[in-house]
Amino acid sequence: MSTRLWQACMRVGGLVATAIIFALAFVDPTQAATFTCASSDVACLIAAINTANGNGQDNTIMLAAGTYNLTLVNNDFLGANGLPRITIALCDRNPSFDTCLPPG
């Protein structure tokens, strides 16, 4: 293979590699997730809300039946409360009640 042909192939290969790297830079690596929290696991619930708020996807948070005692203030948005501010749509889906609330 001649030197010129080799150099042309290297330039094309470099352009293709640059295009692939550029395209990958704009791919959103986050994916929707399903979080499952055991009964009364407040730390899991808070972590699930924070992650769901941050990834911009339609996530599912599955809570086991039980009581989730919120004993510490997490934030003061609209008054002191024990959970992070929910900045995503919130849906409650079960056989007797199916509704979604807007973010806020």
C-alpha atoms as a PDB file:
ATOM      1  CA  MET A   1       0.000   0.000   0.000  1.00  0.00           C
ATOM      2  CA  SER A   2       1.397   3.390  -0.930  1.00  0.00           C
ATOM      3  CA  THR A   3       2.184   5.996   1.690  1.00  0.00           C
ATOM      4  CA  ARG A   4      -0.484   8.372   0.333  1.00  0.00           C
ATOM      5  CA  LEU A   5      -3.168   5.696   0.430  1.00  0.00           C
ATOM      6  CA  TRP A   6      -2.126   4.740   3.950  1.00  0.00           C
ATOM      7  CA  GLN A   7      -2.293   8.383   5.091  1.00  0.00           C
ATOM      8  CA  ALA A   8      -5.747   8.802   3.488  1.00  0.00           C
ATOM      9  CA  CYS A   9      -7.014   5.678   5.274  1.00  0.00           C
ATOM     10  CA  MET A  10      -5.641   6.965   8.571  1.00  0.00           C
ATOM     11  CA  ARG A  11      -7.396  10.322   8.097  1.00  0.00           C
ATOM     12  CA  VAL A  12     -10.706   8.624   7.322  1.00  0.00           C
ATOM     13  CA  GLY A  13     -10.277   6.284  10.281  1.00  0.00           C
ATOM     14  CA  GLY A  14      -9.515   9.249  12.530  1.00  0.00           C
ATOM     15  CA  LEU A  15     -12.619  11.071  11.321  1.00  0.00           C
ATOM     16  CA  VAL A  16     -14.792   8.005  11.943  1.00  0.00           C
ATOM     17  CA  ALA A  17     -13.347   7.570  15.439  1.00  0.00           C
ATOM     18  CA  THR A  18     -13.917  11.266  16.188  1.00  0.00           C
ATOM     19  CA  ALA A  19     -17.526  11.034  14.947  1.00  0.00           C
ATOM     20  CA  ILE A  20     -18.195   7.999  17.161  1.00  0.00           C
ATOM     21  CA  ILE A  21     -16.719   9.687  20.232  1.00  0.00           C
ATOM     22  CA  PHE A  22     -18.709  12.856  19.495  1.00  0.00           C
ATOM     23  CA  ALA A  23     -21.948  10.864  19.112  1.00  0.00           C
ATOM     24  CA  LEU A  24     -21.363   8.961  22.357  1.00  0.00           C
ATOM     25  CA  ALA A  25     -20.842  12.221  24.220  1.00  0.00           C
ATOM     26  CA  PHE A  26     -24.497  13.093  23.608  1.00  0.00           C
ATOM     27  CA  VAL A  27     -26.015   9.739  24.571  1.00  0.00           C
ATOM     28  CA  ASP A  28     -27.898   9.927  27.859  1.00  0.00           C
ATOM     29  CA  PRO A  29     -26.498   7.096  29.998  1.00  0.00           C
ATOM     30  CA  THR A  30     -29.327   7.240  32.521  1.00  0.00           C
ATOM     31  CA  GLN A  31     -32.155   4.782  32.260  1.00  0.00           C
ATOM     32  CA  ALA A  32     -35.429   4.369  34.024  1.00  0.00           C
ATOM     33  CA  ALA A  33     -35.079   2.280  37.141  1.00  0.00           C
ATOM     34  CA  THR A  34     -37.243   0.317  39.511  1.00  0.00           C
ATOM     35  CA  PHE A  35     -36.432   0.843  43.169  1.00  0.00           C
ATOM     36  CA  THR A  36     -37.730  -1.645  45.710  1.00  0.00           C
ATOM     37  CA  CYS A  37     -37.735  -0.650  49.370  1.00  0.00           C
ATOM     38  CA  ALA A  38     -38.354  -3.029  52.247  1.00  0.00           C
ATOM     39  CA  SER A  39     -41.003  -2.232  54.824  1.00  0.00           C
ATOM     40  CA  SER A  40     -40.030   0.783  56.950  1.00  0.00           C
ATOM     41  CA  ASP A  41     -36.777   1.388  55.032  1.00  0.00           C
ATOM     42  CA  VAL A  42     -36.831   5.191  55.039  1.00  0.00           C
ATOM     43  CA  ALA A  43     -33.206   5.476  53.844  1.00  0.00           C
ATOM     44  CA  CYS A  44     -34.094   3.421  50.748  1.00  0.00           C
ATOM     45  CA  LEU A  45     -37.138   5.576  50.047  1.00  0.00           C
ATOM     46  CA  ILE A  46     -35.125   8.812  50.327  1.00  0.00           C
ATOM     47  CA  ALA A  47     -32.342   7.436  48.106  1.00  0.00           C
ATOM     48  CA  ALA A  48     -34.907   6.252  45.532  1.00  0.00           C
ATOM     49  CA  ILE A  49     -36.570   9.676  45.408  1.00  0.00           C
ATOM     50  CA  ASN A  50     -33.221  11.455  45.059  1.00  0.00           C
ATOM     51  CA  THR A  51     -32.103   9.139  42.258  1.00  0.00           C
ATOM     52  CA  ALA A  52     -35.443   9.356  40.460  1.00  0.00           C
ATOM     53  CA  ASN A  53     -35.361  13.152  40.725  1.00  0.00           C
ATOM     54  CA  GLY A  54     -31.916  13.185  39.161  1.00  0.00           C
ATOM     55  CA  ASN A  55     -32.136  10.815  36.223  1.00  0.00           C
ATOM     56  CA  GLY A  56     -35.046  12.406  34.343  1.00  0.00           C
ATOM     57  CA  GLN A  57     -36.674   9.073  33.527  1.00  0.00           C
ATOM     58  CA  ASP A  58     -40.017   7.432  34.299  1.00  0.00           C
ATOM     59  CA  ASN A  59     -38.951   5.433  37.348  1.00  0.00           C
ATOM     60  CA  THR A  60     -40.893   3.121  39.615  1.00  0.00           C
ATOM     61  CA  ILE A  61     -40.525   3.090  43.382  1.00  0.00           C
ATOM     62  CA  MET A  62     -41.999  -0.058  44.912  1.00  0.00           C
ATOM     63  CA  LEU A  63     -42.714   0.216  48.637  1.00  0.00           C
ATOM     64  CA  ALA A  64     -43.388  -2.834  50.738  1.00  0.00           C
ATOM     65  CA  ALA A  65     -46.453  -2.585  52.953  1.00  0.00           C
ATOM     66  CA  GLY A  66     -45.660  -1.046  56.289  1.00  0.00           C
ATOM     67  CA  THR A  67     -45.092   2.207  58.118  1.00  0.00           C
ATOM     68  CA  TYR A  68     -42.299   4.559  57.047  1.00  0.00           C
ATOM     69  CA  ASN A  69     -41.498   6.723  60.076  1.00  0.00           C
ATOM     70  CA  LEU A  70     -39.952  10.022  59.001  1.00  0.00           C
ATOM     71  CA  THR A  71     -38.124  11.229  62.090  1.00  0.00           C
ATOM     72  CA  LEU A  72     -35.634  13.716  60.579  1.00  0.00           C
ATOM     73  CA  VAL A  73     -36.270  16.848  58.547  1.00  0.00           C
ATOM     74  CA  ASN A  74     -34.984  16.337  55.008  1.00  0.00           C
ATOM     75  CA  ASN A  75     -35.928  19.723  53.547  1.00  0.00           C
ATOM     76  CA  ASP A  76     -37.986  22.814  54.262  1.00  0.00           C
ATOM     77  CA  PHE A  77     -39.698  23.261  50.906  1.00  0.00           C
ATOM     78  CA  LEU A  78     -43.333  24.107  51.733  1.00  0.00           C
ATOM     79  CA  GLY A  79     -42.582  23.468  55.402  1.00  0.00           C
ATOM     80  CA  ALA A  80     -40.353  20.980  57.180  1.00  0.00           C
ATOM     81  CA  ASN A  81     -40.844  17.402  56.040  1.00  0.00           C
ATOM     82  CA  GLY A  82     -39.013  14.089  56.117  1.00  0.00           C
ATOM     83  CA  LEU A  83     -38.756  13.368  52.398  1.00  0.00           C
ATOM     84  CA  PRO A  84     -36.788  15.080  49.634  1.00  0.00           C
ATOM     85  CA  ARG A  85     -38.666  17.516  47.426  1.00  0.00           C
ATOM     86  CA  ILE A  86     -40.160  15.489  44.575  1.00  0.00           C
ATOM     87  CA  THR A  87     -39.317  17.196  41.282  1.00  0.00           C
ATOM     88  CA  ILE A  88     -40.746  14.520  38.988  1.00  0.00           C
ATOM     89  CA  ALA A  89     -44.278  13.349  38.248  1.00  0.00           C
ATOM     90  CA  LEU A  90     -45.561  11.152  41.053  1.00  0.00           C
ATOM     91  CA  CYS A  91     -47.949   8.310  40.246  1.00  0.00           C
ATOM     92  CA  ASP A  92     -49.765   5.980  42.585  1.00  0.00           C
ATOM     93  CA  ARG A  93     -50.738   2.841  40.765  1.00  0.00           C
ATOM     94  CA  ASN A  94     -52.707   0.112  42.465  1.00  0.00           C
ATOM     95  CA  PRO A  95     -55.942  -1.743  41.716  1.00  0.00           C
ATOM     96  CA  SER A  96     -58.192   0.675  43.590  1.00  0.00           C
ATOM     97  CA  PHE A  97     -56.446   3.998  42.950  1.00  0.00           C
ATOM     98  CA  ASP A  98     -54.507   5.095  39.845  1.00  0.00           C
ATOM     99  CA  THR A  99     -53.468   8.733  39.580  1.00  0.00           C
ATOM    100  CA  CYS A 100     -50.471  10.905  38.759  1.00  0.00           C
ATOM    101  CA  LEU A 101     -49.538  14.280  40.217  1.00  0.00           C
ATOM    102  CA  PRO A 102     -47.388  16.799  38.338  1.00  0.00           C
ATOM    103  CA  PRO A 103     -43.880  17.650  39.557  1.00  0.00           C
ATOM    104  CA  GLY A 104     -43.537  20.251  42.230  1.00  0.00           C
END
